[in-house]
Amino acid sequence: SVGVRPFDDSTDQSRVAATLQALDHVSVRGVLSKKLLENAEWLRNDKRITVTPDLGWAFPRLVSKADPRGIEKPYALFQFHNIDEQDAVTIAESLLQFGQETGLAVYLMPVIHLWNDHEFMLRICEAGRGNLAMLRSDLTPNEMLELIRDAEIVLASSLHVVISALAFGHPAAVFNKWPGTKFQDLMGMQMRPHALIN
């Protein structure tokens, strides 16, 4: 089950087409992803493409009862990627103010290793002048789930982190610099358009 971004000029469409044609079933997490695939010539109105709720809703069933060590409670989790130096300063100031106003410890949690979010969040830590803490960049998925489970609130650009927090019943917010089709799919499939703001 995948979220599908709009294809661009760098996409090798023949390779994508060959891969898709070899599959018996294609499951996407929302209608927008389905339409993006169907607009491609090789999958227009293809009956193999179905919409399936994101697997992240089942993640809480995988988590153990273990309690992460060395974490000051209560706490908020934060995750972000693809920011510049000015973004880092703005985010660091906001997180420090958030921590003061709520009394929550704020932890930055690297999640998206492929996009190297650890490096982006280092900029936030540096802008926070030692007043913000980042968790290890080699956390296992189960360790991440345990941290999400015990957080008071989760703020992330990773939709799976947000879905996991919501599945645990925690308040969560999606941070993204650009309108995201994945988030639109999430809200649209839950019939909650009021939760989608630009």
C-alpha atoms as a PDB file:
ATOM      1  CA  SER A   1       0.000   0.000   0.000  1.00  0.00           C
ATOM      2  CA  VAL A   2       1.662   3.173  -1.155  1.00  0.00           C
ATOM      3  CA  GLY A   3       1.245   6.911  -1.362  1.00  0.00           C
ATOM      4  CA  VAL A   4       1.919   8.055  -4.912  1.00  0.00           C
ATOM      5  CA  ARG A   5       3.390  11.431  -5.762  1.00  0.00           C
ATOM      6  CA  PRO A   6       2.770  13.132  -9.118  1.00  0.00           C
ATOM      7  CA  PHE A   7       5.127  11.833 -11.763  1.00  0.00           C
ATOM      8  CA  ASP A   8       7.706  14.314 -13.013  1.00  0.00           C
ATOM      9  CA  ASP A   9      10.199  14.481 -15.864  1.00  0.00           C
ATOM     10  CA  SER A  10      12.801  12.504 -13.912  1.00  0.00           C
ATOM     11  CA  THR A  11      10.533   9.463 -13.584  1.00  0.00           C
ATOM     12  CA  ASP A  12      11.427   6.562 -15.854  1.00  0.00           C
ATOM     13  CA  GLN A  13       7.837   5.835 -16.872  1.00  0.00           C
ATOM     14  CA  SER A  14       8.759   2.752 -18.897  1.00  0.00           C
ATOM     15  CA  ARG A  15      10.348   1.219 -15.802  1.00  0.00           C
ATOM     16  CA  VAL A  16       7.313   2.120 -13.676  1.00  0.00           C
ATOM     17  CA  ALA A  17       4.990   0.679 -16.326  1.00  0.00           C
ATOM     18  CA  ALA A  18       6.945  -2.576 -16.552  1.00  0.00           C
ATOM     19  CA  THR A  19       6.884  -2.950 -12.769  1.00  0.00           C
ATOM     20  CA  LEU A  20       3.164  -2.265 -12.487  1.00  0.00           C
ATOM     21  CA  GLN A  21       2.266  -4.603 -15.328  1.00  0.00           C
ATOM     22  CA  ALA A  22       4.008  -7.444 -13.494  1.00  0.00           C
ATOM     23  CA  LEU A  23       1.793  -7.022 -10.425  1.00  0.00           C
ATOM     24  CA  ASP A  24      -1.514  -8.798  -9.870  1.00  0.00           C
ATOM     25  CA  HIS A  25      -2.763  -6.213  -7.400  1.00  0.00           C
ATOM     26  CA  VAL A  26      -1.923  -2.572  -6.640  1.00  0.00           C
ATOM     27  CA  SER A  27      -3.162  -1.076  -3.368  1.00  0.00           C
ATOM     28  CA  VAL A  28      -2.954   2.647  -2.702  1.00  0.00           C
ATOM     29  CA  ARG A  29      -3.805   4.545   0.447  1.00  0.00           C
ATOM     30  CA  GLY A  30      -6.189   7.045  -1.125  1.00  0.00           C
ATOM     31  CA  VAL A  31      -8.167   8.230  -4.108  1.00  0.00           C
ATOM     32  CA  LEU A  32      -5.566  10.819  -5.157  1.00  0.00           C
ATOM     33  CA  SER A  33      -2.884   8.149  -5.411  1.00  0.00           C
ATOM     34  CA  LYS A  34      -5.271   5.957  -7.419  1.00  0.00           C
ATOM     35  CA  LYS A  35      -6.018   8.776  -9.843  1.00  0.00           C
ATOM     36  CA  LEU A  36      -2.337   9.597 -10.277  1.00  0.00           C
ATOM     37  CA  LEU A  37      -1.678   6.011 -11.337  1.00  0.00           C
ATOM     38  CA  GLU A  38      -4.740   5.812 -13.558  1.00  0.00           C
ATOM     39  CA  ASN A  39      -3.787   8.978 -15.417  1.00  0.00           C
ATOM     40  CA  ALA A  40      -0.780   7.087 -16.680  1.00  0.00           C
ATOM     41  CA  GLU A  41      -1.553   5.437 -20.000  1.00  0.00           C
ATOM     42  CA  TRP A  42      -0.767   1.905 -18.816  1.00  0.00           C
ATOM     43  CA  LEU A  43      -3.146   1.911 -15.844  1.00  0.00           C
ATOM     44  CA  ARG A  44      -6.155   3.973 -16.908  1.00  0.00           C
ATOM     45  CA  ASN A  45      -9.248   2.473 -15.231  1.00  0.00           C
ATOM     46  CA  ASP A  46      -7.264  -0.576 -14.223  1.00  0.00           C
ATOM     47  CA  LYS A  47      -9.432  -2.754 -11.954  1.00  0.00           C
ATOM     48  CA  ARG A  48      -6.344  -4.042 -10.126  1.00  0.00           C
ATOM     49  CA  ILE A  49      -5.880  -0.693  -8.355  1.00  0.00           C
ATOM     50  CA  THR A  50      -7.802  -0.606  -5.096  1.00  0.00           C
ATOM     51  CA  VAL A  51      -7.837   1.799  -2.163  1.00  0.00           C
ATOM     52  CA  THR A  52      -6.798   0.352   1.200  1.00  0.00           C
ATOM     53  CA  PRO A  53      -6.591   2.178   4.552  1.00  0.00           C
ATOM     54  CA  ASP A  54      -3.016   3.005   5.467  1.00  0.00           C
ATOM     55  CA  LEU A  55      -1.276   0.176   7.309  1.00  0.00           C
ATOM     56  CA  GLY A  56      -0.092   2.665   9.923  1.00  0.00           C
ATOM     57  CA  TRP A  57      -3.469   2.385  11.658  1.00  0.00           C
ATOM     58  CA  ALA A  58      -2.463  -1.155  12.690  1.00  0.00           C
ATOM     59  CA  PHE A  59       0.998  -0.190  14.009  1.00  0.00           C
ATOM     60  CA  PRO A  60      -0.079   0.068  17.694  1.00  0.00           C
ATOM     61  CA  ARG A  61      -0.843  -3.655  17.621  1.00  0.00           C
ATOM     62  CA  LEU A  62       2.856  -4.318  17.003  1.00  0.00           C
ATOM     63  CA  VAL A  63       4.300  -2.349  19.899  1.00  0.00           C
ATOM     64  CA  SER A  64       5.644  -4.068  22.981  1.00  0.00           C
ATOM     65  CA  LYS A  65       4.943  -3.123  26.588  1.00  0.00           C
ATOM     66  CA  ALA A  66       8.536  -1.953  27.026  1.00  0.00           C
ATOM     67  CA  ASP A  67       9.163   1.547  28.338  1.00  0.00           C
ATOM     68  CA  PRO A  68      11.918   3.592  26.616  1.00  0.00           C
ATOM     69  CA  ARG A  69      14.678   4.571  29.043  1.00  0.00           C
ATOM     70  CA  GLY A  70      16.283   7.958  29.441  1.00  0.00           C
ATOM     71  CA  ILE A  71      13.279   9.989  28.316  1.00  0.00           C
ATOM     72  CA  GLU A  72      12.007  12.824  30.471  1.00  0.00           C
ATOM     73  CA  LYS A  73       8.231  12.671  30.814  1.00  0.00           C
ATOM     74  CA  PRO A  74       5.869  14.185  29.882  1.00  0.00           C
ATOM     75  CA  TYR A  75       7.179  14.909  26.398  1.00  0.00           C
ATOM     76  CA  ALA A  76       6.311  15.925  22.850  1.00  0.00           C
ATOM     77  CA  LEU A  77       7.829  14.343  19.744  1.00  0.00           C
ATOM     78  CA  PHE A  78       8.837  16.412  16.746  1.00  0.00           C
ATOM     79  CA  GLN A  79      10.106  15.336  13.308  1.00  0.00           C
ATOM     80  CA  PHE A  80      10.822  17.404  10.206  1.00  0.00           C
ATOM     81  CA  HIS A  81      12.853  17.318   6.998  1.00  0.00           C
ATOM     82  CA  ASN A  82      13.745  19.429   3.977  1.00  0.00           C
ATOM     83  CA  ILE A  83      14.318  22.747   5.725  1.00  0.00           C
ATOM     84  CA  ASP A  84      16.835  25.541   5.270  1.00  0.00           C
ATOM     85  CA  GLU A  85      18.799  27.479   7.905  1.00  0.00           C
ATOM     86  CA  GLN A  86      16.089  30.108   8.408  1.00  0.00           C
ATOM     87  CA  ASP A  87      13.434  27.408   8.789  1.00  0.00           C
ATOM     88  CA  ALA A  88      15.617  25.777  11.456  1.00  0.00           C
ATOM     89  CA  VAL A  89      15.855  29.010  13.458  1.00  0.00           C
ATOM     90  CA  THR A  90      12.089  29.599  13.248  1.00  0.00           C
ATOM     91  CA  ILE A  91      11.287  26.009  14.228  1.00  0.00           C
ATOM     92  CA  ALA A  92      13.799  26.000  17.107  1.00  0.00           C
ATOM     93  CA  GLU A  93      12.336  29.226  18.527  1.00  0.00           C
ATOM     94  CA  SER A  94       8.813  27.837  18.219  1.00  0.00           C
ATOM     95  CA  LEU A  95       9.726  24.537  19.889  1.00  0.00           C
ATOM     96  CA  LEU A  96      11.476  26.280  22.782  1.00  0.00           C
ATOM     97  CA  GLN A  97       8.446  28.514  23.311  1.00  0.00           C
ATOM     98  CA  PHE A  98       6.131  25.486  23.031  1.00  0.00           C
ATOM     99  CA  GLY A  99       8.143  23.643  25.692  1.00  0.00           C
ATOM    100  CA  GLN A 100       8.036  26.623  28.057  1.00  0.00           C
ATOM    101  CA  GLU A 101       4.298  27.176  27.625  1.00  0.00           C
ATOM    102  CA  THR A 102       3.296  23.512  27.992  1.00  0.00           C
ATOM    103  CA  GLY A 103       5.929  22.226  30.408  1.00  0.00           C
ATOM    104  CA  LEU A 104       6.625  19.337  28.021  1.00  0.00           C
ATOM    105  CA  ALA A 105      10.107  18.141  27.170  1.00  0.00           C
ATOM    106  CA  VAL A 106      10.560  18.322  23.384  1.00  0.00           C
ATOM    107  CA  TYR A 107      12.423  15.528  21.588  1.00  0.00           C
ATOM    108  CA  LEU A 108      13.336  15.483  17.917  1.00  0.00           C
ATOM    109  CA  MET A 109      12.993  11.958  16.506  1.00  0.00           C
ATOM    110  CA  PRO A 110      14.697  10.993  13.223  1.00  0.00           C
ATOM    111  CA  VAL A 111      12.412   8.762  11.171  1.00  0.00           C
ATOM    112  CA  ILE A 112      12.955   9.182   7.427  1.00  0.00           C
ATOM    113  CA  HIS A 113      16.438   7.780   6.903  1.00  0.00           C
ATOM    114  CA  LEU A 114      16.064   7.830   3.122  1.00  0.00           C
ATOM    115  CA  TRP A 115      15.651  11.626   3.177  1.00  0.00           C
ATOM    116  CA  ASN A 116      18.207  12.028   5.959  1.00  0.00           C
ATOM    117  CA  ASP A 117      15.886  13.953   8.274  1.00  0.00           C
ATOM    118  CA  HIS A 118      18.560  13.571  10.987  1.00  0.00           C
ATOM    119  CA  GLU A 119      20.762  16.105   9.187  1.00  0.00           C
ATOM    120  CA  PHE A 120      17.903  18.577   8.797  1.00  0.00           C
ATOM    121  CA  MET A 121      16.962  18.303  12.473  1.00  0.00           C
ATOM    122  CA  LEU A 122      20.591  18.860  13.513  1.00  0.00           C
ATOM    123  CA  ARG A 123      20.100  22.392  12.171  1.00  0.00           C
ATOM    124  CA  ILE A 124      17.165  22.821  14.567  1.00  0.00           C
ATOM    125  CA  CYS A 125      19.262  21.554  17.502  1.00  0.00           C
ATOM    126  CA  GLU A 126      22.088  23.939  16.614  1.00  0.00           C
ATOM    127  CA  ALA A 127      19.642  26.849  16.377  1.00  0.00           C
ATOM    128  CA  GLY A 128      18.274  25.811  19.791  1.00  0.00           C
ATOM    129  CA  ARG A 129      21.756  26.337  21.340  1.00  0.00           C
ATOM    130  CA  GLY A 130      21.730  23.087  23.280  1.00  0.00           C
ATOM    131  CA  ASN A 131      18.190  23.487  24.630  1.00  0.00           C
ATOM    132  CA  LEU A 132      16.649  20.897  22.287  1.00  0.00           C
ATOM    133  CA  ALA A 133      17.429  17.174  22.350  1.00  0.00           C
ATOM    134  CA  MET A 134      17.475  14.776  19.427  1.00  0.00           C
ATOM    135  CA  LEU A 135      16.981  11.048  19.861  1.00  0.00           C
ATOM    136  CA  ARG A 136      19.252   8.438  18.258  1.00  0.00           C
ATOM    137  CA  SER A 137      19.131   8.194  14.480  1.00  0.00           C
ATOM    138  CA  ASP A 138      19.215   4.370  14.609  1.00  0.00           C
ATOM    139  CA  LEU A 139      15.944   3.789  16.474  1.00  0.00           C
ATOM    140  CA  THR A 140      14.144   0.639  15.391  1.00  0.00           C
ATOM    141  CA  PRO A 141      10.525   0.877  14.209  1.00  0.00           C
ATOM    142  CA  ASN A 142       9.383  -0.673  17.508  1.00  0.00           C
ATOM    143  CA  GLU A 143      11.396   1.847  19.528  1.00  0.00           C
ATOM    144  CA  MET A 144       9.814   4.653  17.522  1.00  0.00           C
ATOM    145  CA  LEU A 145       6.364   3.215  18.174  1.00  0.00           C
ATOM    146  CA  GLU A 146       7.074   3.011  21.916  1.00  0.00           C
ATOM    147  CA  LEU A 147       8.114   6.670  21.893  1.00  0.00           C
ATOM    148  CA  ILE A 148       5.025   7.678  19.936  1.00  0.00           C
ATOM    149  CA  ARG A 149       2.835   5.645  22.299  1.00  0.00           C
ATOM    150  CA  ASP A 150       4.084   7.520  25.371  1.00  0.00           C
ATOM    151  CA  ALA A 151       4.152  11.030  23.868  1.00  0.00           C
ATOM    152  CA  GLU A 152       1.622  13.665  24.891  1.00  0.00           C
ATOM    153  CA  ILE A 153       1.529  15.138  21.396  1.00  0.00           C
ATOM    154  CA  VAL A 154       3.264  14.402  18.084  1.00  0.00           C
ATOM    155  CA  LEU A 155       4.226  16.963  15.438  1.00  0.00           C
ATOM    156  CA  ALA A 156       5.741  15.501  12.257  1.00  0.00           C
ATOM    157  CA  SER A 157       6.165  15.735   8.512  1.00  0.00           C
ATOM    158  CA  SER A 158       6.098  11.933   8.346  1.00  0.00           C
ATOM    159  CA  LEU A 159       2.517  10.856   7.783  1.00  0.00           C
ATOM    160  CA  HIS A 160       3.209   7.407   9.255  1.00  0.00           C
ATOM    161  CA  VAL A 161       4.362   9.004  12.498  1.00  0.00           C
ATOM    162  CA  VAL A 162       1.164  11.073  12.619  1.00  0.00           C
ATOM    163  CA  ILE A 163      -1.073   8.107  11.732  1.00  0.00           C
ATOM    164  CA  SER A 164       0.617   6.036  14.438  1.00  0.00           C
ATOM    165  CA  ALA A 165       0.028   8.785  17.016  1.00  0.00           C
ATOM    166  CA  LEU A 166      -3.627   9.084  15.987  1.00  0.00           C
ATOM    167  CA  ALA A 167      -3.988   5.300  16.143  1.00  0.00           C
ATOM    168  CA  PHE A 168      -2.750   5.446  19.753  1.00  0.00           C
ATOM    169  CA  GLY A 169      -5.347   8.147  20.433  1.00  0.00           C
ATOM    170  CA  HIS A 170      -2.841  11.007  20.795  1.00  0.00           C
ATOM    171  CA  PRO A 171      -3.220  14.515  19.341  1.00  0.00           C
ATOM    172  CA  ALA A 172      -1.005  14.942  16.308  1.00  0.00           C
ATOM    173  CA  ALA A 173      -0.256  17.504  13.617  1.00  0.00           C
ATOM    174  CA  VAL A 174       1.272  17.271  10.143  1.00  0.00           C
ATOM    175  CA  PHE A 175       3.957  19.831   9.306  1.00  0.00           C
ATOM    176  CA  ASN A 176       4.666  20.270   5.614  1.00  0.00           C
ATOM    177  CA  LYS A 177       5.936  23.226   3.603  1.00  0.00           C
ATOM    178  CA  TRP A 178       3.820  22.215   0.626  1.00  0.00           C
ATOM    179  CA  PRO A 179       0.273  20.875   0.222  1.00  0.00           C
ATOM    180  CA  GLY A 180       0.631  17.105   0.334  1.00  0.00           C
ATOM    181  CA  THR A 181      -1.463  14.616  -1.579  1.00  0.00           C
ATOM    182  CA  LYS A 182      -0.774  11.996   1.103  1.00  0.00           C
ATOM    183  CA  PHE A 183      -2.370  14.199   3.760  1.00  0.00           C
ATOM    184  CA  GLN A 184      -5.300  14.995   1.474  1.00  0.00           C
ATOM    185  CA  ASP A 185      -5.788  11.268   0.974  1.00  0.00           C
ATOM    186  CA  LEU A 186      -5.675  10.639   4.718  1.00  0.00           C
ATOM    187  CA  MET A 187      -8.331  13.246   5.478  1.00  0.00           C
ATOM    188  CA  GLY A 188     -10.447  12.496   2.406  1.00  0.00           C
ATOM    189  CA  MET A 189     -10.627   8.764   3.095  1.00  0.00           C
ATOM    190  CA  GLN A 190     -11.771   9.491   6.645  1.00  0.00           C
ATOM    191  CA  MET A 191     -14.390  11.913   5.304  1.00  0.00           C
ATOM    192  CA  ARG A 192     -12.851  14.676   7.431  1.00  0.00           C
ATOM    193  CA  PRO A 193     -12.289  17.537   4.984  1.00  0.00           C
ATOM    194  CA  HIS A 194     -12.677  20.022   7.865  1.00  0.00           C
ATOM    195  CA  ALA A 195      -9.352  18.707   9.224  1.00  0.00           C
ATOM    196  CA  LEU A 196      -7.502  19.659   6.036  1.00  0.00           C
ATOM    197  CA  ILE A 197      -6.205  23.228   6.029  1.00  0.00           C
ATOM    198  CA  ASN A 198      -3.628  24.845   3.803  1.00  0.00           C
END
